[in-house]
Amino acid sequence: MEQLDLYRELFRHERLEAAVAAILPLLAEQFGVRAIALRRLDLHRRALATIAEAHLGDWTRTAPMVTECSREDIERLLTWSRSGEVRQGRAESDPILALLAARAADVDTLAGPITDTEVGPLGALLLFGDIGSFGARHTKQLEELLDPFRVALLHAQRTQELTRLREVVEADNRALLSKLDRQGLIEEIVGADAGFRAVIQRVEQVAPTDAPVLLLGETGTGKEVVARAIHARSRRPEGPMLRVNCGAIPPGLIDSELFGHERGSFTGAVAGRAGWFERADGGTLFLDEIGELPLAAQVRLLRVLQDSVIERVGGQRSVPVDVRVVAATHRDLEEMVRAGSFREDLWYRISVFPIVIPPLRDRREDIPELAAHFAWRVGKRIGGVPLAPSQADIDRLLGYDWPGNVRELAAVVERAAILGDGRRLDIAGSLGIRTTSVAPPPPLQTGSMERNYAGEQPLLSLDAAITRHIEAALERSGGRVEGPRGAAVLLGLNPHTLRSKMRRLGIRWGRFRDREPG
């Protein structure tokens, strides 16, 4: 079979599987081949994966779809690939063929390594036939097939990488459209005129500049919402707004993800790729959980912030980027600087303008509006009609401590809508409250909690009242939190929720265990 004909057949079909199936009859006629398999070497997963195969008639003895390899197996395959040797024989008597064609042990097998000078070992081409089908001339003929299949395999990998990149871009677009649909204009941020007012004032001050911003606050407080508010009010609202969760990137891929890589810079880099900084050029890059970055990545990030240039992994040239950086963390970066786990120079660079986002328990005046906002949205999505919390629902929400902040409130409201079959909100059920035994908390006071009118006892603060109530339950339960006679049952709370409250309020339930329950 001429190489030109082979190239033409390989690239005449859109999918590699279809091309291999079309080539097999030609190979069967000339070489007596009964089956063919193209396997890719995945060094990251330490595995061999069959990406295309075909067989004639009822022949089913080809290579497995995935072969998990040990470290020694990988070393053996790499050594074989570098040698360029074509192996011929039976898998049961050849360790390389046994790895490549485990299920085809009782057939004649021809295997040739597919290697690219720039990328390195790619995989192997396997031909199968009846016992005694192959000889010395077939080994020479297989060698002539390897280069066309090398080109086809590279082409398939690049197509797969382009597809993946397209899916990433489409996912970004869907996420942005979802954000716009959910949050609308920045002026409509819930709480902008109440507990969030101070944050929005800080946003108004810094947004028109290009100064780096550091958002500080607990998980779930709305740091991404604030980052998008900064972008929308900046001088670059038409540019991209991209979010990167620094804590979710594997340490070995951080440089590639942030700064991109060139083709062939490491195994599997079959094409060059732009990193997050290049993709955010002309816009804003939101580095969420920046405190999770390892020290080595912090050094390279500092250079980007100082010089506005990046270098791709494996690249030799500097690429200028125009990116406004907004960073966020729930960790104490100053303490991390003192401990040596966060660079002091990077801390100074990103904290030019810090914005502290208060937890939901410190801005309870936002809870009614937030609950109404989430209820309206989830009602439309689940039942087709907007829902609204009742005053009793609001009272229950105000009495909860919200360790998960706004994110937890959204989840509680959505769970309440599901429990109510999309027609009403079951807030009590969503919070795990027994409505027959737990009275709703008093309405939110607009004035001081300690205000004293003539002839009245001063009111306790909400935390003090909750502490006293929990301690009374612990006194009665003998310090037990869970179980049928535990404090959680007495209070109508989930035990995990109760423990969270006690940790925040500093209640040590162990000191009640020596007392007899009442």
Protein backbone atom coordinates (compact mmCIF):
# COMPACT_ATOMS: atom_id res chain seq x y z
CA MET A 1 0.00 0.00 0.00
CA GLU A 2 1.50 3.30 -1.12
CA GLN A 3 2.04 5.96 1.56
CA LEU A 4 0.20 8.55 -0.52
CA ASP A 5 -2.87 6.31 -0.66
CA LEU A 6 -2.59 5.72 3.07
CA TYR A 7 -2.37 9.47 3.83
CA ARG A 8 -5.34 10.12 1.55
CA GLU A 9 -7.45 7.46 3.25
CA LEU A 10 -6.47 8.55 6.77
CA PHE A 11 -7.47 12.18 6.22
CA ARG A 12 -10.47 11.59 3.96
CA HIS A 13 -12.57 10.74 7.01
CA GLU A 14 -13.54 13.16 9.76
CA ARG A 15 -13.05 10.62 12.57
CA LEU A 16 -9.97 8.49 13.09
CA GLU A 17 -12.09 5.42 13.86
CA ALA A 18 -13.74 5.67 10.42
CA ALA A 19 -10.36 6.05 8.71
CA VAL A 20 -8.95 2.94 10.43
CA ALA A 21 -12.04 0.94 9.49
CA ALA A 22 -11.63 2.01 5.83
CA ILE A 23 -7.91 1.11 5.76
CA LEU A 24 -8.32 -2.38 7.27
CA PRO A 25 -9.67 -4.12 4.10
CA LEU A 26 -6.68 -2.79 2.13
CA LEU A 27 -4.26 -4.08 4.76
CA ALA A 28 -6.11 -7.40 4.92
CA GLU A 29 -5.77 -7.86 1.17
CA GLN A 30 -2.04 -7.05 1.06
CA PHE A 31 -0.75 -8.26 4.44
CA GLY A 32 -3.31 -10.76 5.72
CA VAL A 33 -4.22 -8.47 8.62
CA ARG A 34 -7.39 -9.46 10.47
CA ALA A 35 -7.57 -6.54 12.94
CA ILE A 36 -5.89 -3.19 13.64
CA ALA A 37 -5.65 -1.02 16.75
CA LEU A 38 -4.16 2.42 17.41
CA ARG A 39 -3.21 2.98 21.05
CA ARG A 40 -2.22 6.24 22.73
CA LEU A 41 0.29 6.41 25.59
CA ASP A 42 -1.08 8.60 28.40
CA LEU A 43 1.82 9.36 30.73
CA HIS A 44 -0.29 11.53 33.04
CA ARG A 45 -2.73 8.67 33.79
CA ARG A 46 -0.06 6.00 33.34
CA ALA A 47 -2.21 4.10 30.88
CA LEU A 48 -2.54 2.89 27.30
CA ALA A 49 -5.84 3.89 25.66
CA THR A 50 -7.23 2.44 22.42
CA ILE A 51 -8.42 5.41 20.36
CA ALA A 52 -9.28 3.55 17.13
CA GLU A 53 -9.68 -0.10 16.18
CA ALA A 54 -11.32 -2.26 13.51
CA HIS A 55 -11.58 -6.00 12.78
CA LEU A 56 -12.86 -8.30 10.03
CA GLY A 57 -15.85 -10.59 10.42
CA ASP A 58 -16.17 -12.25 13.81
CA TRP A 59 -12.61 -11.44 14.88
CA THR A 60 -12.84 -9.90 18.34
CA ARG A 61 -9.37 -10.45 19.83
CA THR A 62 -7.95 -6.91 19.73
CA ALA A 63 -6.35 -4.72 22.39
CA PRO A 64 -8.32 -3.64 25.51
CA MET A 65 -9.80 -0.14 25.58
CA VAL A 66 -7.63 0.92 28.56
CA THR A 67 -4.58 -0.75 30.07
CA GLU A 68 -3.44 0.58 33.44
CA CYS A 69 0.37 0.58 33.66
CA SER A 70 2.77 0.50 36.57
CA ARG A 71 5.75 2.83 36.75
CA GLU A 72 7.95 -0.05 35.55
CA ASP A 73 5.57 -0.71 32.62
CA ILE A 74 5.78 2.94 31.55
CA GLU A 75 9.59 2.88 31.69
CA ARG A 76 9.60 -0.31 29.59
CA LEU A 77 7.28 1.25 26.99
CA LEU A 78 9.32 4.46 26.81
CA THR A 79 12.54 2.52 26.29
CA TRP A 80 10.89 0.54 23.50
CA SER A 81 9.51 3.72 21.89
CA ARG A 82 12.94 5.36 21.84
CA SER A 83 14.43 2.28 20.17
CA GLY A 84 11.96 2.46 17.28
CA GLU A 85 11.93 -1.34 17.09
CA VAL A 86 8.97 -3.15 15.50
CA ARG A 87 8.00 -6.19 17.60
CA GLN A 88 6.43 -9.32 16.07
CA GLY A 89 5.22 -12.48 17.77
CA ARG A 90 2.74 -13.63 20.39
CA ALA A 91 1.84 -11.49 23.38
CA GLU A 92 2.19 -14.40 25.78
CA SER A 93 5.93 -14.63 25.04
CA ASP A 94 6.84 -10.93 24.70
CA PRO A 95 6.49 -8.48 27.65
CA ILE A 96 6.04 -5.43 25.35
CA LEU A 97 3.36 -7.17 23.28
CA ALA A 98 1.73 -8.36 26.50
CA LEU A 99 1.32 -4.73 27.59
CA LEU A 100 0.13 -3.55 24.18
CA ALA A 101 -2.25 -6.43 23.33
CA ALA A 102 -3.26 -8.16 26.55
CA ARG A 103 -6.45 -9.73 25.19
CA ALA A 104 -4.81 -10.97 21.97
CA ALA A 105 -2.34 -13.39 23.55
CA ASP A 106 -3.05 -16.32 21.20
CA VAL A 107 -2.68 -14.49 17.86
CA ASP A 108 0.19 -13.18 15.77
CA THR A 109 0.85 -9.49 16.59
CA LEU A 110 2.88 -6.77 14.92
CA ALA A 111 3.54 -3.62 16.99
CA GLY A 112 5.37 -0.45 16.02
CA PRO A 113 6.06 2.59 18.26
CA ILE A 114 4.67 5.96 17.15
CA THR A 115 7.01 8.77 18.20
CA ASP A 116 7.25 12.44 17.29
CA THR A 117 10.59 14.26 17.44
CA GLU A 118 9.03 17.30 19.16
CA VAL A 119 6.29 15.80 21.31
CA GLY A 120 7.94 12.47 22.17
CA PRO A 121 6.34 8.99 22.45
CA LEU A 122 2.72 9.04 21.31
CA GLY A 123 1.59 5.42 21.27
CA ALA A 124 1.66 2.31 19.11
CA LEU A 125 0.18 0.80 15.95
CA LEU A 126 -0.90 -2.85 16.31
CA LEU A 127 -1.75 -5.31 13.53
CA PHE A 128 -3.28 -8.72 14.33
CA GLY A 129 -3.45 -11.90 12.29
CA ASP A 130 -3.69 -15.68 12.56
CA ILE A 131 -0.73 -17.56 14.00
CA GLY A 132 2.09 -17.56 11.43
CA SER A 133 0.62 -14.70 9.39
CA PHE A 134 3.53 -12.31 9.76
CA GLY A 135 7.18 -12.53 8.80
CA ALA A 136 10.21 -10.32 8.17
CA ARG A 137 8.67 -8.52 5.18
CA HIS A 138 5.64 -7.52 7.28
CA THR A 139 7.96 -5.89 9.82
CA LYS A 140 9.39 -3.69 7.06
CA GLN A 141 5.92 -2.87 5.75
CA LEU A 142 4.72 -1.86 9.23
CA GLU A 143 7.65 0.54 9.54
CA GLU A 144 6.35 2.33 6.43
CA LEU A 145 2.91 2.70 8.04
CA LEU A 146 4.16 4.40 11.20
CA ASP A 147 4.75 7.90 9.81
CA PRO A 148 1.24 8.32 8.30
CA PHE A 149 -0.29 7.09 11.55
CA ARG A 150 1.97 9.47 13.53
CA VAL A 151 0.55 12.40 11.56
CA ALA A 152 -3.00 11.08 11.98
CA LEU A 153 -2.56 10.62 15.74
CA LEU A 154 -1.14 14.14 16.18
CA HIS A 155 -4.00 15.53 14.11
CA ALA A 156 -6.56 13.69 16.25
CA GLN A 157 -4.97 14.96 19.49
CA ARG A 158 -4.89 18.55 18.23
CA THR A 159 -8.50 18.29 17.16
CA GLN A 160 -9.38 16.99 20.62
CA GLU A 161 -7.48 19.88 22.24
CA LEU A 162 -9.25 22.43 20.03
CA THR A 163 -12.59 20.85 20.92
CA ARG A 164 -11.72 21.08 24.61
CA LEU A 165 -10.69 24.72 24.27
CA ARG A 166 -13.89 25.50 22.41
CA GLU A 167 -15.89 23.87 25.19
CA VAL A 168 -13.99 25.98 27.76
CA VAL A 169 -14.82 29.18 25.87
CA GLU A 170 -18.46 28.13 25.47
CA ALA A 171 -18.60 27.33 29.19
CA ASP A 172 -17.20 30.79 29.97
CA ASN A 173 -19.83 32.36 27.74
CA ARG A 174 -22.63 30.35 29.33
CA ALA A 175 -21.38 31.28 32.80
CA LEU A 176 -21.27 34.98 31.93
CA LEU A 177 -24.73 34.86 30.38
CA SER A 178 -25.99 33.06 33.47
CA LYS A 179 -24.46 35.74 35.70
CA LEU A 180 -26.09 38.51 33.69
CA ASP A 181 -29.44 36.78 33.79
CA ARG A 182 -29.22 36.17 37.52
CA GLN A 183 -27.76 39.41 38.77
CA GLY A 184 -28.75 41.98 36.18
CA LEU A 185 -27.13 45.37 36.46
CA ILE A 186 -24.70 46.15 39.23
CA GLU A 187 -27.15 48.66 40.69
CA GLU A 188 -29.44 45.73 41.54
CA ILE A 189 -27.05 43.99 43.93
CA VAL A 190 -29.09 42.86 46.89
CA GLY A 191 -28.11 44.78 50.01
CA ALA A 192 -26.48 47.69 48.16
CA ASP A 193 -28.60 50.10 50.18
CA ALA A 194 -28.36 48.23 53.49
CA GLY A 195 -25.66 45.97 54.96
CA PHE A 196 -23.67 45.91 51.72
CA ARG A 197 -23.66 49.70 51.37
CA ALA A 198 -20.14 50.20 52.75
CA VAL A 199 -18.77 47.56 50.37
CA ILE A 200 -20.43 49.19 47.35
CA GLN A 201 -18.99 52.56 48.38
CA ARG A 202 -15.50 51.02 48.36
CA VAL A 203 -16.24 49.48 44.96
CA GLU A 204 -17.27 52.89 43.60
CA GLN A 205 -13.98 54.38 44.80
CA VAL A 206 -11.61 51.80 43.31
CA ALA A 207 -13.45 50.57 40.18
CA PRO A 208 -12.46 53.44 37.82
CA THR A 209 -8.77 52.86 38.58
CA ASP A 210 -6.65 49.89 37.52
CA ALA A 211 -5.33 49.29 41.04
CA PRO A 212 -5.27 45.66 42.23
CA VAL A 213 -8.06 44.85 44.68
CA LEU A 214 -8.01 42.25 47.45
CA LEU A 215 -11.38 40.95 48.65
CA LEU A 216 -11.34 39.53 52.18
CA GLY A 217 -14.17 37.57 53.71
CA GLU A 218 -15.52 34.20 54.71
CA THR A 219 -16.52 31.60 52.15
CA GLY A 220 -19.92 32.28 50.63
CA THR A 221 -20.10 36.01 51.42
CA GLY A 222 -20.31 37.09 47.76
CA LYS A 223 -16.72 37.88 46.78
CA GLU A 224 -17.34 36.98 43.14
CA VAL A 225 -20.36 39.31 43.03
CA VAL A 226 -18.15 42.14 44.28
CA ALA A 227 -15.44 41.29 41.74
CA ARG A 228 -17.97 41.48 38.92
CA ALA A 229 -19.25 44.78 40.31
CA ILE A 230 -15.70 46.18 40.13
CA HIS A 231 -15.36 44.98 36.53
CA ALA A 232 -18.74 46.37 35.48
CA ARG A 233 -17.90 49.82 36.90
CA SER A 234 -14.32 49.87 35.60
CA ARG A 235 -12.94 51.41 32.42
CA ARG A 236 -12.91 47.99 30.77
CA PRO A 237 -16.49 46.61 31.10
CA GLU A 238 -16.50 45.45 27.47
CA GLY A 239 -13.46 43.24 28.08
CA PRO A 240 -13.54 39.68 29.44
CA MET A 241 -14.20 38.96 33.10
CA LEU A 242 -12.70 35.57 34.00
CA ARG A 243 -12.62 33.73 37.32
CA VAL A 244 -9.87 31.30 38.34
CA ASN A 245 -10.14 29.18 41.47
CA CYS A 246 -6.47 28.98 42.46
CA GLY A 247 -7.16 26.25 45.00
CA ALA A 248 -8.65 23.93 42.34
CA ILE A 249 -5.61 23.89 40.00
CA PRO A 250 -3.23 20.92 40.47
CA PRO A 251 0.23 22.22 41.53
CA GLY A 252 1.89 20.79 38.43
CA LEU A 253 -0.47 22.65 36.08
CA ILE A 254 -0.55 26.09 37.72
CA ASP A 255 1.99 27.70 35.36
CA SER A 256 0.31 26.21 32.30
CA GLU A 257 -3.17 27.29 33.43
CA LEU A 258 -2.21 30.85 34.41
CA PHE A 259 0.43 31.67 31.80
CA GLY A 260 -0.16 29.12 28.99
CA HIS A 261 2.26 26.75 27.30
CA GLU A 262 3.93 26.18 23.96
CA ARG A 263 3.56 23.07 21.86
CA GLY A 264 5.85 20.30 23.02
CA SER A 265 6.78 22.02 26.28
CA PHE A 266 5.78 18.88 28.22
CA THR A 267 4.30 15.47 27.52
CA GLY A 268 0.78 15.89 26.18
CA ALA A 269 1.27 19.52 25.06
CA VAL A 270 0.34 18.75 21.47
CA ALA A 271 -0.61 22.36 20.78
CA GLY A 272 0.17 25.80 22.18
CA ARG A 273 -2.37 27.18 24.60
CA ALA A 274 -3.13 30.62 25.97
CA GLY A 275 -3.35 30.83 29.76
CA TRP A 276 -5.87 32.74 31.87
CA PHE A 277 -3.86 35.98 31.76
CA GLU A 278 -3.79 36.03 27.95
CA ARG A 279 -7.47 35.15 27.75
CA ALA A 280 -8.32 38.00 30.15
CA ASP A 281 -6.28 40.56 28.16
CA GLY A 282 -8.16 43.86 28.08
CA GLY A 283 -10.41 42.83 30.96
CA THR A 284 -10.38 41.60 34.56
CA LEU A 285 -8.97 38.40 36.02
CA PHE A 286 -10.51 37.30 39.31
CA LEU A 287 -8.01 35.14 41.25
CA ASP A 288 -10.23 33.44 43.81
CA GLU A 289 -8.58 31.79 46.84
CA ILE A 290 -5.18 33.30 46.01
CA GLY A 291 -3.88 32.13 49.38
CA GLU A 292 -3.83 28.56 48.02
CA LEU A 293 -1.09 29.31 45.47
CA PRO A 294 2.25 27.61 46.22
CA LEU A 295 5.28 29.84 46.78
CA ALA A 296 6.84 29.05 43.38
CA ALA A 297 3.71 30.26 41.56
CA GLN A 298 3.56 33.36 43.77
CA VAL A 299 6.99 34.43 42.45
CA ARG A 300 5.86 34.22 38.82
CA LEU A 301 2.56 35.95 39.60
CA LEU A 302 4.46 38.83 41.23
CA ARG A 303 6.43 39.38 38.03
CA VAL A 304 3.23 39.56 35.97
CA LEU A 305 1.75 42.13 38.33
CA GLN A 306 4.91 44.22 38.30
CA ASP A 307 5.86 44.06 34.60
CA SER A 308 2.53 43.21 32.86
CA VAL A 309 4.23 40.48 30.82
CA ILE A 310 3.98 36.70 30.90
CA GLU A 311 6.05 33.87 29.51
CA ARG A 312 4.36 30.68 28.41
CA VAL A 313 5.73 27.41 29.72
CA GLY A 314 8.39 26.35 27.24
CA GLY A 315 8.33 29.76 25.54
CA GLN A 316 11.25 32.02 24.78
CA ARG A 317 9.49 35.38 24.40
CA SER A 318 7.64 37.74 26.73
CA VAL A 319 3.97 38.39 25.96
CA PRO A 320 2.54 41.75 27.15
CA VAL A 321 -0.86 41.57 28.84
CA ASP A 322 -3.25 44.29 29.97
CA VAL A 323 -5.18 42.72 32.83
CA ARG A 324 -6.79 44.18 35.93
CA VAL A 325 -6.35 41.71 38.82
CA VAL A 326 -8.91 41.27 41.58
CA ALA A 327 -7.83 38.68 44.17
CA ALA A 328 -9.87 37.11 46.96
CA THR A 329 -9.30 34.84 49.94
CA HIS A 330 -10.98 33.65 53.11
CA ARG A 331 -7.58 33.09 54.76
CA ASP A 332 -5.56 35.46 56.96
CA LEU A 333 -2.82 36.46 54.50
CA GLU A 334 -1.00 38.62 57.04
CA GLU A 335 -0.64 35.62 59.31
CA MET A 336 0.48 33.52 56.34
CA VAL A 337 3.14 36.16 55.58
CA ARG A 338 4.42 35.92 59.15
CA ALA A 339 4.44 32.12 58.88
CA GLY A 340 6.37 32.26 55.59
CA SER A 341 3.70 30.56 53.47
CA PHE A 342 2.79 33.73 51.53
CA ARG A 343 5.27 36.16 50.01
CA GLU A 344 5.36 39.56 51.68
CA ASP A 345 6.12 41.39 48.41
CA LEU A 346 3.11 39.76 46.72
CA TRP A 347 0.93 40.65 49.70
CA TYR A 348 1.87 44.33 49.35
CA ARG A 349 1.24 44.17 45.61
CA ILE A 350 -2.26 42.68 45.71
CA SER A 351 -3.51 44.52 48.80
CA VAL A 352 -3.26 48.03 47.37
CA PHE A 353 -6.99 48.41 48.00
CA PRO A 354 -8.47 45.79 50.34
CA ILE A 355 -12.23 45.40 50.71
CA VAL A 356 -13.58 43.45 53.68
CA ILE A 357 -16.90 41.71 52.95
CA PRO A 358 -18.86 41.17 56.17
CA PRO A 359 -20.44 37.76 56.91
CA LEU A 360 -24.19 37.48 56.67
CA ARG A 361 -24.62 37.26 60.47
CA ASP A 362 -23.19 40.80 60.70
CA ARG A 363 -25.63 42.22 58.17
CA ARG A 364 -28.89 40.54 59.09
CA GLU A 365 -30.85 43.47 57.68
CA ASP A 366 -30.03 42.04 54.23
CA ILE A 367 -31.62 38.65 54.97
CA PRO A 368 -35.25 39.56 54.13
CA GLU A 369 -34.30 41.07 50.77
CA LEU A 370 -31.88 38.24 49.93
CA ALA A 371 -34.45 35.60 50.85
CA ALA A 372 -37.08 37.30 48.67
CA HIS A 373 -34.59 37.50 45.78
CA PHE A 374 -33.64 33.80 45.99
CA ALA A 375 -37.26 32.71 46.47
CA TRP A 376 -38.39 34.64 43.39
CA ARG A 377 -35.63 33.11 41.29
CA VAL A 378 -35.96 29.50 42.48
CA GLY A 379 -39.75 29.64 42.22
CA LYS A 380 -39.52 30.64 38.55
CA ARG A 381 -37.00 27.88 37.89
CA ILE A 382 -38.73 25.02 39.73
CA GLY A 383 -42.43 25.76 39.56
CA GLY A 384 -42.67 28.42 36.88
CA VAL A 385 -44.02 31.06 39.28
CA PRO A 386 -42.11 33.29 41.71
CA LEU A 387 -42.31 32.49 45.42
CA ALA A 388 -42.10 34.82 48.42
CA PRO A 389 -41.20 34.12 52.07
CA SER A 390 -43.79 34.83 54.75
CA GLN A 391 -43.06 36.91 57.84
CA ALA A 392 -42.75 33.67 59.83
CA ASP A 393 -40.21 32.45 57.31
CA ILE A 394 -38.23 35.67 57.64
CA ASP A 395 -38.28 35.39 61.43
CA ARG A 396 -36.85 31.88 61.26
CA LEU A 397 -34.16 32.95 58.80
CA LEU A 398 -33.22 35.85 61.08
CA GLY A 399 -32.81 33.46 63.99
CA TYR A 400 -30.30 31.29 62.19
CA ASP A 401 -26.54 31.91 62.42
CA TRP A 402 -25.57 31.31 58.71
CA PRO A 403 -22.07 29.81 58.98
CA GLY A 404 -22.21 29.31 55.19
CA ASN A 405 -23.25 32.94 54.60
CA VAL A 406 -25.17 33.98 51.48
CA ARG A 407 -24.38 30.73 49.67
CA GLU A 408 -26.00 28.75 52.49
CA LEU A 409 -29.03 31.07 52.49
CA ALA A 410 -29.52 30.43 48.75
CA ALA A 411 -29.30 26.67 49.37
CA VAL A 412 -31.78 26.81 52.25
CA VAL A 413 -34.32 28.75 50.17
CA GLU A 414 -33.92 26.37 47.22
CA ARG A 415 -34.35 23.36 49.52
CA ALA A 416 -37.44 25.01 51.01
CA ALA A 417 -38.94 25.40 47.52
CA ILE A 418 -38.25 21.74 46.73
CA LEU A 419 -39.84 20.64 50.02
CA GLY A 420 -42.83 22.80 49.11
CA ASP A 421 -43.15 21.14 45.68
CA GLY A 422 -42.39 24.43 43.96
CA ARG A 423 -45.69 25.94 45.14
CA ARG A 424 -44.62 27.27 48.54
CA LEU A 425 -41.57 27.63 50.79
CA ASP A 426 -41.03 25.19 53.64
CA ILE A 427 -38.36 27.20 55.47
CA ALA A 428 -38.93 25.39 58.77
CA GLY A 429 -38.40 22.02 57.12
CA SER A 430 -35.38 23.29 55.21
CA LEU A 431 -33.73 24.49 58.44
CA GLY A 432 -34.70 21.32 60.30
CA ILE A 433 -36.91 23.25 62.76
CA ARG A 434 -39.84 21.64 64.60
CA THR A 435 -42.45 24.34 64.31
CA THR A 436 -44.48 22.95 67.22
CA SER A 437 -41.65 23.28 69.73
CA VAL A 438 -39.56 26.22 68.61
CA ALA A 439 -40.97 29.72 68.73
CA PRO A 440 -39.79 32.16 66.07
CA PRO A 441 -37.25 34.75 67.19
CA PRO A 442 -38.36 38.32 67.89
CA PRO A 443 -38.44 40.70 64.91
CA LEU A 444 -35.18 42.39 63.92
CA GLN A 445 -34.71 45.57 65.94
CA THR A 446 -33.81 48.68 64.00
CA GLY A 447 -32.29 50.35 67.03
CA SER A 448 -29.76 49.17 69.61
CA MET A 449 -30.31 45.72 71.05
CA GLU A 450 -29.55 47.10 74.52
CA ARG A 451 -32.08 49.92 74.35
CA ASN A 452 -33.98 50.24 77.66
CA TYR A 453 -37.41 51.77 77.94
CA ALA A 454 -38.91 52.95 81.25
CA GLY A 455 -39.91 50.02 83.42
CA GLU A 456 -38.47 47.40 80.99
CA GLN A 457 -35.57 45.01 81.32
CA PRO A 458 -32.81 45.60 78.75
CA LEU A 459 -32.87 43.14 75.86
CA LEU A 460 -30.06 40.64 75.50
CA SER A 461 -28.05 40.67 72.29
CA LEU A 462 -29.08 37.97 69.84
CA ASP A 463 -25.88 35.98 70.39
CA ALA A 464 -26.29 36.19 74.16
CA ALA A 465 -29.91 34.98 73.92
CA ILE A 466 -28.92 32.08 71.66
CA THR A 467 -26.03 31.16 73.99
CA ARG A 468 -28.34 31.11 77.02
CA HIS A 469 -30.92 28.99 75.15
CA ILE A 470 -28.33 26.44 73.96
CA GLU A 471 -26.78 26.18 77.43
CA ALA A 472 -30.23 25.51 78.90
CA ALA A 473 -30.71 22.67 76.42
CA LEU A 474 -27.28 21.25 77.23
CA GLU A 475 -28.07 21.48 80.94
CA ARG A 476 -31.24 19.50 80.38
CA SER A 477 -29.58 16.90 78.14
CA GLY A 478 -26.58 16.37 80.42
CA GLY A 479 -24.18 17.64 77.78
CA ARG A 480 -25.42 15.29 75.07
CA VAL A 481 -25.70 16.89 71.62
CA GLU A 482 -27.05 13.99 69.54
CA GLY A 483 -29.47 11.16 70.27
CA PRO A 484 -33.16 11.06 71.25
CA ARG A 485 -32.51 13.04 74.47
CA GLY A 486 -29.78 15.28 73.03
CA ALA A 487 -29.77 19.07 72.89
CA ALA A 488 -30.21 19.06 69.11
CA VAL A 489 -33.59 17.31 69.43
CA LEU A 490 -34.67 19.66 72.23
CA LEU A 491 -33.83 22.66 70.06
CA GLY A 492 -35.18 21.18 66.83
CA LEU A 493 -31.82 21.55 65.07
CA ASN A 494 -29.57 19.35 63.03
CA PRO A 495 -26.67 18.21 65.30
CA HIS A 496 -24.09 19.53 62.81
CA THR A 497 -25.81 22.93 62.80
CA LEU A 498 -25.87 23.00 66.60
CA ARG A 499 -22.17 22.15 66.86
CA SER A 500 -21.36 24.92 64.39
CA LYS A 501 -23.28 27.41 66.51
CA MET A 502 -21.56 26.28 69.70
CA ARG A 503 -18.11 26.59 68.12
CA ARG A 504 -18.84 30.13 66.99
CA LEU A 505 -20.31 31.16 70.34
CA GLY A 506 -17.54 29.48 72.34
CA ILE A 507 -19.87 27.08 74.17
CA ARG A 508 -17.99 24.08 75.60
CA TRP A 509 -20.59 21.34 75.94
CA GLY A 510 -18.16 19.07 77.80
CA ARG A 511 -18.61 21.05 81.02
CA PHE A 512 -22.26 19.95 81.18
CA ARG A 513 -21.51 16.23 81.05
CA ASP A 514 -20.88 15.78 84.78
CA ARG A 515 -24.32 17.10 85.66
CA GLU A 516 -27.44 15.02 85.85
CA PRO A 517 -29.96 15.94 83.14
CA GLY A 518 -33.08 17.60 84.34
